[in-house]
C-alpha atoms as a PDB file:
ATOM      1  CA  UNK A   1     -21.923  10.953  34.009  1.00  0.00           C
ATOM      2  CA  UNK A   2     -19.346   9.601  31.598  1.00  0.00           C
ATOM      3  CA  UNK A   3     -19.782   6.708  29.240  1.00  0.00           C
ATOM      4  CA  UNK A   4     -18.362   5.261  26.079  1.00  0.00           C
ATOM      5  CA  UNK A   5     -19.075   6.368  22.521  1.00  0.00           C
ATOM      6  CA  UNK A   6     -17.711   4.844  19.320  1.00  0.00           C
ATOM      7  CA  UNK A   7     -17.123   6.013  15.759  1.00  0.00           C
ATOM      8  CA  UNK A   8     -16.727   3.763  12.750  1.00  0.00           C
ATOM      9  CA  UNK A   9     -14.738   4.416   9.595  1.00  0.00           C
ATOM     10  CA  UNK A  10     -17.337   2.404   7.685  1.00  0.00           C
ATOM     11  CA  UNK A  11     -14.777  -0.029   6.310  1.00  0.00           C
ATOM     12  CA  UNK A  12     -15.685  -3.652   5.739  1.00  0.00           C
ATOM     13  CA  UNK A  13     -12.915  -4.953   7.986  1.00  0.00           C
ATOM     14  CA  UNK A  14     -14.027  -3.262  11.240  1.00  0.00           C
ATOM     15  CA  UNK A  15     -16.810  -5.784  11.990  1.00  0.00           C
ATOM     16  CA  UNK A  16     -14.617  -8.700  10.876  1.00  0.00           C
ATOM     17  CA  UNK A  17     -11.727  -7.730  13.160  1.00  0.00           C
ATOM     18  CA  UNK A  18     -14.009  -6.302  15.857  1.00  0.00           C
ATOM     19  CA  UNK A  19     -12.857  -2.743  16.452  1.00  0.00           C
ATOM     20  CA  UNK A  20     -13.910   0.901  16.141  1.00  0.00           C
ATOM     21  CA  UNK A  21     -12.001   3.682  14.406  1.00  0.00           C
ATOM     22  CA  UNK A  22     -12.261   5.773  17.577  1.00  0.00           C
ATOM     23  CA  UNK A  23     -13.647   5.318  21.082  1.00  0.00           C
ATOM     24  CA  UNK A  24     -14.463   8.151  23.489  1.00  0.00           C
ATOM     25  CA  UNK A  25     -14.324   6.989  27.086  1.00  0.00           C
ATOM     26  CA  UNK A  26     -14.427   9.411  29.991  1.00  0.00           C
ATOM     27  CA  UNK A  27     -12.209  12.356  29.072  1.00  0.00           C
ATOM     28  CA  UNK A  28     -10.236  10.534  26.372  1.00  0.00           C
ATOM     29  CA  UNK A  29     -10.574   9.520  22.736  1.00  0.00           C
ATOM     30  CA  UNK A  30      -8.571   6.503  21.629  1.00  0.00           C
ATOM     31  CA  UNK A  31      -8.008   6.266  17.866  1.00  0.00           C
ATOM     32  CA  UNK A  32      -7.135   2.878  16.391  1.00  0.00           C
ATOM     33  CA  UNK A  33      -4.143   2.524  14.132  1.00  0.00           C
ATOM     34  CA  UNK A  34      -4.676   4.388  10.864  1.00  0.00           C
ATOM     35  CA  UNK A  35      -2.870   3.703   7.626  1.00  0.00           C
ATOM     36  CA  UNK A  36      -2.711   5.174   4.146  1.00  0.00           C
ATOM     37  CA  UNK A  37      -6.220   4.170   3.150  1.00  0.00           C
ATOM     38  CA  UNK A  38      -8.802   6.397   1.490  1.00  0.00           C
ATOM     39  CA  UNK A  39     -12.184   4.720   1.777  1.00  0.00           C
ATOM     40  CA  UNK A  40     -11.226   1.077   1.336  1.00  0.00           C
ATOM     41  CA  UNK A  41      -8.349   1.706  -1.081  1.00  0.00           C
ATOM     42  CA  UNK A  42      -4.649   1.790  -0.251  1.00  0.00           C
ATOM     43  CA  UNK A  43      -3.046   5.019  -1.507  1.00  0.00           C
ATOM     44  CA  UNK A  44       0.484   6.456  -1.875  1.00  0.00           C
ATOM     45  CA  UNK A  45       2.576   3.308  -2.447  1.00  0.00           C
ATOM     46  CA  UNK A  46       6.252   3.815  -1.644  1.00  0.00           C
ATOM     47  CA  UNK A  47       5.848   7.363  -0.272  1.00  0.00           C
ATOM     48  CA  UNK A  48       6.421   7.435   3.492  1.00  0.00           C
ATOM     49  CA  UNK A  49       5.582  11.124   3.840  1.00  0.00           C
ATOM     50  CA  UNK A  50       2.304  10.917   1.878  1.00  0.00           C
ATOM     51  CA  UNK A  51       1.293   7.722   3.680  1.00  0.00           C
ATOM     52  CA  UNK A  52       1.807   9.443   7.034  1.00  0.00           C
ATOM     53  CA  UNK A  53      -0.193  12.493   5.917  1.00  0.00           C
ATOM     54  CA  UNK A  54      -3.069  10.169   4.886  1.00  0.00           C
ATOM     55  CA  UNK A  55      -2.861   8.161   8.107  1.00  0.00           C
ATOM     56  CA  UNK A  56      -3.049  11.373  10.166  1.00  0.00           C
ATOM     57  CA  UNK A  57      -6.017  12.551   8.060  1.00  0.00           C
ATOM     58  CA  UNK A  58      -7.738   9.305   9.053  1.00  0.00           C
ATOM     59  CA  UNK A  59      -6.853   9.933  12.709  1.00  0.00           C
ATOM     60  CA  UNK A  60      -8.357  13.425  12.363  1.00  0.00           C
ATOM     61  CA  UNK A  61     -11.547  11.974  10.864  1.00  0.00           C
ATOM     62  CA  UNK A  62     -11.936   9.565  13.787  1.00  0.00           C
ATOM     63  CA  UNK A  63     -11.455  12.372  16.295  1.00  0.00           C
ATOM     64  CA  UNK A  64     -13.823  14.736  14.508  1.00  0.00           C
ATOM     65  CA  UNK A  65     -16.531  12.076  14.316  1.00  0.00           C
ATOM     66  CA  UNK A  66     -16.637  12.219  18.122  1.00  0.00           C
ATOM     67  CA  UNK A  67     -16.231  15.993  18.494  1.00  0.00           C
ATOM     68  CA  UNK A  68     -12.462  16.208  19.068  1.00  0.00           C
ATOM     69  CA  UNK A  69      -9.592  17.450  16.898  1.00  0.00           C
ATOM     70  CA  UNK A  70      -5.870  17.037  16.340  1.00  0.00           C
ATOM     71  CA  UNK A  71      -5.403  19.921  18.795  1.00  0.00           C
ATOM     72  CA  UNK A  72      -6.707  17.623  21.560  1.00  0.00           C
ATOM     73  CA  UNK A  73      -4.119  14.882  20.924  1.00  0.00           C
ATOM     74  CA  UNK A  74      -1.803  14.143  23.855  1.00  0.00           C
ATOM     75  CA  UNK A  75      -0.160  10.912  22.608  1.00  0.00           C
ATOM     76  CA  UNK A  76       0.732   9.374  19.249  1.00  0.00           C
ATOM     77  CA  UNK A  77       2.411   6.170  18.197  1.00  0.00           C
ATOM     78  CA  UNK A  78       3.832   5.596  14.740  1.00  0.00           C
ATOM     79  CA  UNK A  79       4.530   2.028  13.742  1.00  0.00           C
ATOM     80  CA  UNK A  80       6.928   2.045  10.779  1.00  0.00           C
ATOM     81  CA  UNK A  81       8.381  -0.721   8.637  1.00  0.00           C
ATOM     82  CA  UNK A  82      11.656   1.081   7.895  1.00  0.00           C
ATOM     83  CA  UNK A  83      12.997   3.315  10.664  1.00  0.00           C
ATOM     84  CA  UNK A  84      15.724   4.641   8.340  1.00  0.00           C
ATOM     85  CA  UNK A  85      12.925   6.673   6.679  1.00  0.00           C
ATOM     86  CA  UNK A  86      12.097   8.372   9.992  1.00  0.00           C
ATOM     87  CA  UNK A  87      12.444  11.867   8.513  1.00  0.00           C
ATOM     88  CA  UNK A  88       9.600  11.247   6.032  1.00  0.00           C
ATOM     89  CA  UNK A  89       7.229  10.090   8.767  1.00  0.00           C
ATOM     90  CA  UNK A  90       8.497  12.682  11.228  1.00  0.00           C
ATOM     91  CA  UNK A  91       8.024  15.603   8.824  1.00  0.00           C
ATOM     92  CA  UNK A  92       4.352  14.716   8.298  1.00  0.00           C
ATOM     93  CA  UNK A  93       3.853  14.211  12.044  1.00  0.00           C
ATOM     94  CA  UNK A  94       5.534  17.539  12.800  1.00  0.00           C
ATOM     95  CA  UNK A  95       3.348  19.373  10.295  1.00  0.00           C
ATOM     96  CA  UNK A  96       0.203  17.977  11.934  1.00  0.00           C
ATOM     97  CA  UNK A  97       1.248  18.145  15.581  1.00  0.00           C
ATOM     98  CA  UNK A  98       4.032  20.764  15.778  1.00  0.00           C
ATOM     99  CA  UNK A  99       1.768  23.212  17.583  1.00  0.00           C
ATOM    100  CA  UNK A 100       0.406  20.576  19.983  1.00  0.00           C
ATOM    101  CA  UNK A 101       3.571  18.585  20.745  1.00  0.00           C
ATOM    102  CA  UNK A 102       1.997  15.351  22.033  1.00  0.00           C
ATOM    103  CA  UNK A 103       4.065  12.619  23.592  1.00  0.00           C
ATOM    104  CA  UNK A 104       5.092  10.452  20.633  1.00  0.00           C
ATOM    105  CA  UNK A 105       6.833   7.220  19.767  1.00  0.00           C
ATOM    106  CA  UNK A 106       8.099   5.860  16.469  1.00  0.00           C
ATOM    107  CA  UNK A 107       8.541   2.099  16.589  1.00  0.00           C
ATOM    108  CA  UNK A 108       9.884  -0.134  13.841  1.00  0.00           C
ATOM    109  CA  UNK A 109       7.814  -3.236  13.194  1.00  0.00           C
ATOM    110  CA  UNK A 110       8.480  -6.175  10.893  1.00  0.00           C
ATOM    111  CA  UNK A 111       5.366  -5.483   8.824  1.00  0.00           C
ATOM    112  CA  UNK A 112       1.844  -4.128   8.649  1.00  0.00           C
ATOM    113  CA  UNK A 113      -1.323  -5.807   7.379  1.00  0.00           C
ATOM    114  CA  UNK A 114      -0.553  -4.852   3.758  1.00  0.00           C
ATOM    115  CA  UNK A 115       3.102  -5.122   2.702  1.00  0.00           C
ATOM    116  CA  UNK A 116       2.809  -1.817   0.779  1.00  0.00           C
ATOM    117  CA  UNK A 117       2.053   0.031   4.012  1.00  0.00           C
ATOM    118  CA  UNK A 118       5.008   1.839   5.533  1.00  0.00           C
ATOM    119  CA  UNK A 119       3.369   3.503   8.552  1.00  0.00           C
ATOM    120  CA  UNK A 120       0.431   3.162  10.935  1.00  0.00           C
ATOM    121  CA  UNK A 121      -0.512   5.982  13.315  1.00  0.00           C
ATOM    122  CA  UNK A 122      -2.616   5.753  16.460  1.00  0.00           C
ATOM    123  CA  UNK A 123      -3.526   8.556  18.834  1.00  0.00           C
ATOM    124  CA  UNK A 124      -4.991   9.423  22.199  1.00  0.00           C
ATOM    125  CA  UNK A 125      -6.779  12.743  22.705  1.00  0.00           C
ATOM    126  CA  UNK A 126      -7.920  14.406  25.915  1.00  0.00           C
ATOM    127  CA  UNK A 127     -11.098  16.465  25.990  1.00  0.00           C
ATOM    128  CA  UNK A 128     -13.004  16.664  29.296  1.00  0.00           C
ATOM    129  CA  UNK A 129     -16.432  15.019  29.152  1.00  0.00           C
ATOM    130  CA  UNK A 130     -16.134  13.747  25.590  1.00  0.00           C
ATOM    131  CA  UNK A 131     -17.222  10.238  26.551  1.00  0.00           C
ATOM    132  CA  UNK A 132     -20.517  11.445  28.067  1.00  0.00           C
ATOM    133  CA  UNK A 133     -23.548   9.621  26.755  1.00  0.00           C
ATOM    134  CA  UNK A 134     -25.019  12.963  25.678  1.00  0.00           C
ATOM    135  CA  UNK A 135     -21.746  14.139  24.092  1.00  0.00           C
ATOM    136  CA  UNK A 136     -21.631  15.185  20.460  1.00  0.00           C
ATOM    137  CA  UNK A 137     -21.538  12.579  17.717  1.00  0.00           C
ATOM    138  CA  UNK A 138     -20.758  14.328  14.472  1.00  0.00           C
ATOM    139  CA  UNK A 139     -21.112  11.225  12.314  1.00  0.00           C
ATOM    140  CA  UNK A 140     -18.886   8.386  11.242  1.00  0.00           C
ATOM    141  CA  UNK A 141     -15.240   8.881  10.456  1.00  0.00           C
ATOM    142  CA  UNK A 142     -16.150   7.905   6.902  1.00  0.00           C
ATOM    143  CA  UNK A 143     -18.508  10.899   6.729  1.00  0.00           C
ATOM    144  CA  UNK A 144     -15.709  13.194   7.890  1.00  0.00           C
ATOM    145  CA  UNK A 145     -13.219  11.739   5.381  1.00  0.00           C
ATOM    146  CA  UNK A 146     -15.767  12.137   2.568  1.00  0.00           C
ATOM    147  CA  UNK A 147     -16.088  15.814   3.444  1.00  0.00           C
ATOM    148  CA  UNK A 148     -12.299  16.412   3.264  1.00  0.00           C
END
């Protein structure tokens, strides 16, 4: 039997906005948009590559909290504030996903929640049975990030 499991990043804004860092449902894990935040602090101002690396590390933490990994990712979306910097974002994405080659989109947006943020990354992973009520829960995404 499949169900739904959720992982939190432990940030203060999740309960205010009403979302989870990652949700396992059926055979999929859906990871909410991740930005260049370590804990509750914005990091890497002005550096599109480093912000993307951090955002993907946060995606990884959400996946790992539910028992999945970057190797299970089948879809990513990158929301960027300046598409002319696509090579910075793309290089970080390629380093993380070059062996997996998920379907991917890079979409320019007018802004993100913090004007210093250049990129937000969300992902979908496929791992049969991961949403089962008795599936593994490793901990919160915040626990995984703290261990990095």
